[in-house]
Amino acid sequence: MNETDISSKEKYYNHVNFLVDCIEKEYKEYLENDLHDIIFETVDSSEIIIYNGYHMDILQNSNNEPQEWKHLVDESDHWQKVISAMAFDVLRSDVWEEINERDIDY
């Protein structure tokens, strides 16, 4: 695992802001791309989603609860895939909240 520290709410939301900075830059640079796609790709490829050691920190430090994660897993999936899907869903929700707070026009 790399050295990203999301062990507190403050550190976690600093990372969320970093992701939104990247999303905003890409969206402005490639206006033909759909913001939903950029967000999905950014969250899905973020270090804190790729390395499952971060997933519990995401779930513990987010102000959101997992909502739409069930479509990302099958009934037979291992519990770690369930945790991963919930972490992805929560991080995506936090990114959307920050985008809306910044009033990014999409």
N, C-alpha and C. Protein backbone atom coordinates (compact mmCIF):
# COMPACT_ATOMS: atom_id res chain seq x y z
N MET A 1 0.85 -1.17 0.00
CA MET A 1 0.00 0.00 0.00
C MET A 1 0.90 1.23 0.00
N ASN A 2 0.46 2.24 -0.73
CA ASN A 2 1.21 3.49 -0.77
C ASN A 2 0.99 4.30 0.49
N GLU A 3 1.49 5.51 0.50
CA GLU A 3 1.51 6.31 1.72
C GLU A 3 0.31 7.26 1.88
N THR A 4 -0.75 7.05 1.18
CA THR A 4 -1.93 7.89 1.34
C THR A 4 -2.53 7.66 2.72
N ASP A 5 -2.79 8.75 3.43
CA ASP A 5 -3.33 8.65 4.78
C ASP A 5 -4.75 9.22 4.79
N ILE A 6 -5.72 8.35 4.97
CA ILE A 6 -7.12 8.78 5.08
C ILE A 6 -7.70 8.31 6.41
N SER A 7 -6.87 8.29 7.42
CA SER A 7 -7.24 7.71 8.71
C SER A 7 -8.13 8.60 9.57
N SER A 8 -8.39 9.83 9.14
CA SER A 8 -9.31 10.71 9.87
C SER A 8 -10.25 11.36 8.86
N LYS A 9 -11.36 11.92 9.35
CA LYS A 9 -12.29 12.60 8.45
C LYS A 9 -11.59 13.72 7.69
N GLU A 10 -10.79 14.50 8.37
CA GLU A 10 -10.10 15.62 7.72
C GLU A 10 -9.19 15.12 6.59
N LYS A 11 -8.40 14.11 6.87
CA LYS A 11 -7.49 13.57 5.86
C LYS A 11 -8.26 12.92 4.72
N TYR A 12 -9.32 12.22 5.06
CA TYR A 12 -10.15 11.59 4.03
C TYR A 12 -10.75 12.64 3.10
N TYR A 13 -11.34 13.69 3.68
CA TYR A 13 -11.96 14.70 2.84
C TYR A 13 -10.93 15.56 2.10
N ASN A 14 -9.72 15.66 2.59
CA ASN A 14 -8.64 16.28 1.81
C ASN A 14 -8.40 15.45 0.54
N HIS A 15 -8.44 14.14 0.69
CA HIS A 15 -8.25 13.26 -0.46
C HIS A 15 -9.44 13.37 -1.43
N VAL A 16 -10.64 13.45 -0.90
CA VAL A 16 -11.83 13.64 -1.75
C VAL A 16 -11.67 14.93 -2.55
N ASN A 17 -11.23 16.00 -1.90
CA ASN A 17 -11.01 17.27 -2.59
C ASN A 17 -9.95 17.15 -3.68
N PHE A 18 -8.90 16.39 -3.42
CA PHE A 18 -7.88 16.15 -4.42
C PHE A 18 -8.49 15.44 -5.64
N LEU A 19 -9.32 14.43 -5.40
CA LEU A 19 -9.96 13.72 -6.50
C LEU A 19 -10.86 14.66 -7.30
N VAL A 20 -11.61 15.51 -6.61
CA VAL A 20 -12.50 16.44 -7.31
C VAL A 20 -11.69 17.47 -8.10
N ASP A 21 -10.54 17.90 -7.57
CA ASP A 21 -9.66 18.78 -8.34
C ASP A 21 -9.26 18.11 -9.65
N CYS A 22 -8.90 16.85 -9.59
CA CYS A 22 -8.52 16.09 -10.80
C CYS A 22 -9.70 15.96 -11.76
N ILE A 23 -10.87 15.66 -11.22
CA ILE A 23 -12.08 15.52 -12.03
C ILE A 23 -12.41 16.84 -12.71
N GLU A 24 -12.37 17.92 -11.95
CA GLU A 24 -12.71 19.24 -12.49
C GLU A 24 -11.75 19.63 -13.62
N LYS A 25 -10.48 19.38 -13.41
CA LYS A 25 -9.47 19.69 -14.43
C LYS A 25 -9.74 18.89 -15.71
N GLU A 26 -9.98 17.60 -15.56
CA GLU A 26 -10.23 16.76 -16.73
C GLU A 26 -11.52 17.17 -17.43
N TYR A 27 -12.54 17.48 -16.66
CA TYR A 27 -13.82 17.87 -17.25
C TYR A 27 -13.69 19.16 -18.05
N LYS A 28 -12.95 20.13 -17.53
CA LYS A 28 -12.75 21.39 -18.24
C LYS A 28 -11.90 21.19 -19.49
N GLU A 29 -10.96 20.25 -19.42
CA GLU A 29 -10.07 20.01 -20.55
C GLU A 29 -10.75 19.21 -21.66
N TYR A 30 -11.63 18.30 -21.27
CA TYR A 30 -12.31 17.43 -22.24
C TYR A 30 -13.82 17.58 -22.08
N LEU A 31 -14.33 18.71 -22.50
CA LEU A 31 -15.75 19.02 -22.30
C LEU A 31 -16.69 18.03 -22.98
N GLU A 32 -16.19 17.32 -23.99
CA GLU A 32 -17.05 16.36 -24.67
C GLU A 32 -17.30 15.12 -23.82
N ASN A 33 -16.50 14.89 -22.79
CA ASN A 33 -16.68 13.73 -21.91
C ASN A 33 -17.80 13.98 -20.91
N ASP A 34 -18.51 12.94 -20.58
CA ASP A 34 -19.60 13.02 -19.61
C ASP A 34 -19.02 13.05 -18.19
N LEU A 35 -19.49 13.99 -17.38
CA LEU A 35 -18.99 14.10 -16.02
C LEU A 35 -19.21 12.83 -15.22
N HIS A 36 -20.33 12.17 -15.42
CA HIS A 36 -20.60 10.92 -14.70
C HIS A 36 -19.52 9.88 -15.01
N ASP A 37 -19.12 9.80 -16.28
CA ASP A 37 -18.08 8.85 -16.67
C ASP A 37 -16.73 9.21 -16.05
N ILE A 38 -16.41 10.50 -16.05
CA ILE A 38 -15.14 10.95 -15.46
C ILE A 38 -15.10 10.62 -13.97
N ILE A 39 -16.20 10.86 -13.28
CA ILE A 39 -16.26 10.57 -11.84
C ILE A 39 -16.11 9.07 -11.61
N PHE A 40 -16.86 8.27 -12.35
CA PHE A 40 -16.78 6.82 -12.17
C PHE A 40 -15.35 6.33 -12.39
N GLU A 41 -14.72 6.77 -13.49
CA GLU A 41 -13.36 6.33 -13.82
C GLU A 41 -12.35 6.81 -12.78
N THR A 42 -12.51 8.04 -12.31
CA THR A 42 -11.57 8.58 -11.32
C THR A 42 -11.68 7.83 -9.99
N VAL A 43 -12.91 7.62 -9.53
CA VAL A 43 -13.12 6.90 -8.28
C VAL A 43 -12.63 5.46 -8.42
N ASP A 44 -13.01 4.81 -9.52
CA ASP A 44 -12.66 3.41 -9.73
C ASP A 44 -11.15 3.20 -9.82
N SER A 45 -10.42 4.17 -10.33
CA SER A 45 -8.97 4.02 -10.48
C SER A 45 -8.18 4.68 -9.37
N SER A 46 -8.87 5.23 -8.37
CA SER A 46 -8.16 5.90 -7.28
C SER A 46 -7.45 4.87 -6.39
N GLU A 47 -6.35 5.28 -5.87
CA GLU A 47 -5.52 4.42 -5.01
C GLU A 47 -6.33 3.84 -3.85
N ILE A 48 -7.21 4.64 -3.29
CA ILE A 48 -7.93 4.18 -2.10
C ILE A 48 -9.04 3.18 -2.44
N ILE A 49 -9.35 3.02 -3.71
CA ILE A 49 -10.27 1.96 -4.12
C ILE A 49 -9.49 0.75 -4.60
N ILE A 50 -8.40 0.99 -5.31
CA ILE A 50 -7.59 -0.13 -5.82
C ILE A 50 -7.03 -0.97 -4.68
N TYR A 51 -6.52 -0.33 -3.64
CA TYR A 51 -5.93 -1.06 -2.51
C TYR A 51 -6.98 -1.23 -1.42
N ASN A 52 -7.42 -2.47 -1.22
CA ASN A 52 -8.54 -2.71 -0.31
C ASN A 52 -8.23 -2.41 1.15
N GLY A 53 -6.99 -2.17 1.48
CA GLY A 53 -6.64 -1.79 2.86
C GLY A 53 -7.21 -0.44 3.27
N TYR A 54 -7.63 0.35 2.31
CA TYR A 54 -8.21 1.67 2.59
C TYR A 54 -9.73 1.63 2.79
N HIS A 55 -10.38 0.55 2.40
CA HIS A 55 -11.83 0.52 2.33
C HIS A 55 -12.52 0.79 3.65
N MET A 56 -12.03 0.23 4.72
CA MET A 56 -12.68 0.48 6.02
C MET A 56 -12.51 1.93 6.46
N ASP A 57 -11.35 2.55 6.14
CA ASP A 57 -11.18 3.97 6.45
C ASP A 57 -12.18 4.82 5.68
N ILE A 58 -12.42 4.47 4.41
CA ILE A 58 -13.41 5.20 3.62
C ILE A 58 -14.78 5.10 4.30
N LEU A 59 -15.18 3.88 4.64
CA LEU A 59 -16.50 3.69 5.25
C LEU A 59 -16.62 4.35 6.61
N GLN A 60 -15.54 4.38 7.37
CA GLN A 60 -15.58 4.98 8.71
C GLN A 60 -15.54 6.50 8.66
N ASN A 61 -14.87 7.09 7.68
CA ASN A 61 -14.66 8.53 7.68
C ASN A 61 -15.63 9.31 6.80
N SER A 62 -16.38 8.63 5.96
CA SER A 62 -17.34 9.30 5.10
C SER A 62 -18.57 9.71 5.91
N ASN A 63 -19.17 10.82 5.50
CA ASN A 63 -20.44 11.23 6.09
C ASN A 63 -21.62 10.55 5.42
N ASN A 64 -21.35 9.82 4.33
CA ASN A 64 -22.40 9.12 3.59
C ASN A 64 -22.47 7.66 4.01
N GLU A 65 -23.63 7.09 3.79
CA GLU A 65 -23.83 5.66 3.98
C GLU A 65 -23.88 5.02 2.60
N PRO A 66 -23.42 3.78 2.45
CA PRO A 66 -23.52 3.11 1.15
C PRO A 66 -24.98 2.98 0.74
N GLN A 67 -25.27 3.33 -0.51
CA GLN A 67 -26.65 3.30 -0.98
C GLN A 67 -26.87 2.33 -2.13
N GLU A 68 -26.09 2.48 -3.18
CA GLU A 68 -26.36 1.76 -4.42
C GLU A 68 -25.27 0.74 -4.74
N TRP A 69 -24.74 0.09 -3.76
CA TRP A 69 -23.61 -0.82 -3.97
C TRP A 69 -24.04 -2.21 -4.41
N LYS A 70 -25.26 -2.59 -4.16
CA LYS A 70 -25.69 -3.98 -4.39
C LYS A 70 -25.59 -4.40 -5.85
N HIS A 71 -25.74 -3.45 -6.78
CA HIS A 71 -25.64 -3.81 -8.20
C HIS A 71 -24.20 -4.10 -8.61
N LEU A 72 -23.23 -3.82 -7.73
CA LEU A 72 -21.82 -4.05 -8.04
C LEU A 72 -21.34 -5.43 -7.61
N VAL A 73 -22.18 -6.20 -6.92
CA VAL A 73 -21.76 -7.52 -6.45
C VAL A 73 -22.84 -8.55 -6.74
N ASP A 74 -22.43 -9.80 -6.78
CA ASP A 74 -23.36 -10.92 -6.92
C ASP A 74 -23.60 -11.53 -5.54
N GLU A 75 -24.66 -12.28 -5.42
CA GLU A 75 -24.96 -12.91 -4.13
C GLU A 75 -23.85 -13.84 -3.68
N SER A 76 -23.12 -14.41 -4.61
CA SER A 76 -22.07 -15.37 -4.26
C SER A 76 -20.72 -14.71 -3.99
N ASP A 77 -20.63 -13.40 -4.13
CA ASP A 77 -19.35 -12.73 -3.94
C ASP A 77 -18.89 -12.79 -2.50
N HIS A 78 -17.59 -12.81 -2.34
CA HIS A 78 -16.93 -12.84 -1.04
C HIS A 78 -17.19 -11.53 -0.30
N TRP A 79 -17.17 -11.54 1.01
CA TRP A 79 -17.46 -10.35 1.80
C TRP A 79 -16.51 -9.20 1.47
N GLN A 80 -15.27 -9.50 1.04
CA GLN A 80 -14.34 -8.42 0.71
C GLN A 80 -14.81 -7.64 -0.52
N LYS A 81 -15.45 -8.32 -1.46
CA LYS A 81 -15.98 -7.61 -2.63
C LYS A 81 -17.15 -6.72 -2.21
N VAL A 82 -17.93 -7.16 -1.24
CA VAL A 82 -19.03 -6.34 -0.72
C VAL A 82 -18.47 -5.07 -0.07
N ILE A 83 -17.44 -5.20 0.76
CA ILE A 83 -16.81 -4.04 1.39
C ILE A 83 -16.25 -3.11 0.32
N SER A 84 -15.60 -3.66 -0.69
CA SER A 84 -15.05 -2.87 -1.78
C SER A 84 -16.14 -2.09 -2.51
N ALA A 85 -17.25 -2.74 -2.80
CA ALA A 85 -18.36 -2.08 -3.49
C ALA A 85 -18.96 -0.97 -2.64
N MET A 86 -19.10 -1.21 -1.34
CA MET A 86 -19.62 -0.17 -0.46
C MET A 86 -18.66 1.01 -0.38
N ALA A 87 -17.36 0.75 -0.30
CA ALA A 87 -16.37 1.83 -0.25
C ALA A 87 -16.41 2.64 -1.54
N PHE A 88 -16.51 1.97 -2.68
CA PHE A 88 -16.61 2.66 -3.96
C PHE A 88 -17.84 3.57 -3.97
N ASP A 89 -18.97 3.05 -3.54
CA ASP A 89 -20.22 3.82 -3.55
C ASP A 89 -20.14 5.04 -2.65
N VAL A 90 -19.56 4.88 -1.48
CA VAL A 90 -19.44 5.99 -0.53
C VAL A 90 -18.49 7.05 -1.07
N LEU A 91 -17.34 6.64 -1.61
CA LEU A 91 -16.39 7.60 -2.16
C LEU A 91 -17.02 8.35 -3.33
N ARG A 92 -17.73 7.65 -4.19
CA ARG A 92 -18.40 8.32 -5.31
C ARG A 92 -19.42 9.34 -4.79
N SER A 93 -20.16 9.01 -3.75
CA SER A 93 -21.12 9.95 -3.16
C SER A 93 -20.42 11.18 -2.60
N ASP A 94 -19.30 10.97 -1.94
CA ASP A 94 -18.55 12.10 -1.39
C ASP A 94 -18.01 13.01 -2.50
N VAL A 95 -17.56 12.40 -3.58
CA VAL A 95 -17.08 13.18 -4.73
C VAL A 95 -18.23 14.01 -5.31
N TRP A 96 -19.39 13.40 -5.47
CA TRP A 96 -20.55 14.14 -6.00
C TRP A 96 -20.93 15.30 -5.08
N GLU A 97 -20.90 15.09 -3.78
CA GLU A 97 -21.22 16.17 -2.85
C GLU A 97 -20.27 17.34 -3.04
N GLU A 98 -18.98 17.06 -3.17
CA GLU A 98 -17.99 18.13 -3.35
C GLU A 98 -18.20 18.83 -4.69
N ILE A 99 -18.51 18.09 -5.74
CA ILE A 99 -18.78 18.70 -7.04
C ILE A 99 -19.98 19.64 -6.94
N ASN A 100 -21.02 19.22 -6.26
CA ASN A 100 -22.19 20.06 -6.09
C ASN A 100 -21.90 21.28 -5.22
N GLU A 101 -21.08 21.10 -4.19
CA GLU A 101 -20.70 22.24 -3.36
C GLU A 101 -19.90 23.27 -4.13
N ARG A 102 -19.07 22.80 -5.04
CA ARG A 102 -18.28 23.71 -5.88
C ARG A 102 -19.11 24.30 -7.02
N ASP A 103 -20.31 23.81 -7.18
CA ASP A 103 -21.21 24.29 -8.22
C ASP A 103 -20.61 24.15 -9.60
N ILE A 104 -20.00 22.99 -9.84
CA ILE A 104 -19.45 22.70 -11.15
C ILE A 104 -20.60 22.46 -12.11
N ASP A 105 -20.64 23.22 -13.18
CA ASP A 105 -21.73 23.15 -14.14
C ASP A 105 -21.55 21.93 -15.04
N TYR A 106 -22.52 21.05 -15.04
CA TYR A 106 -22.44 19.87 -15.90
C TYR A 106 -23.70 19.61 -16.63
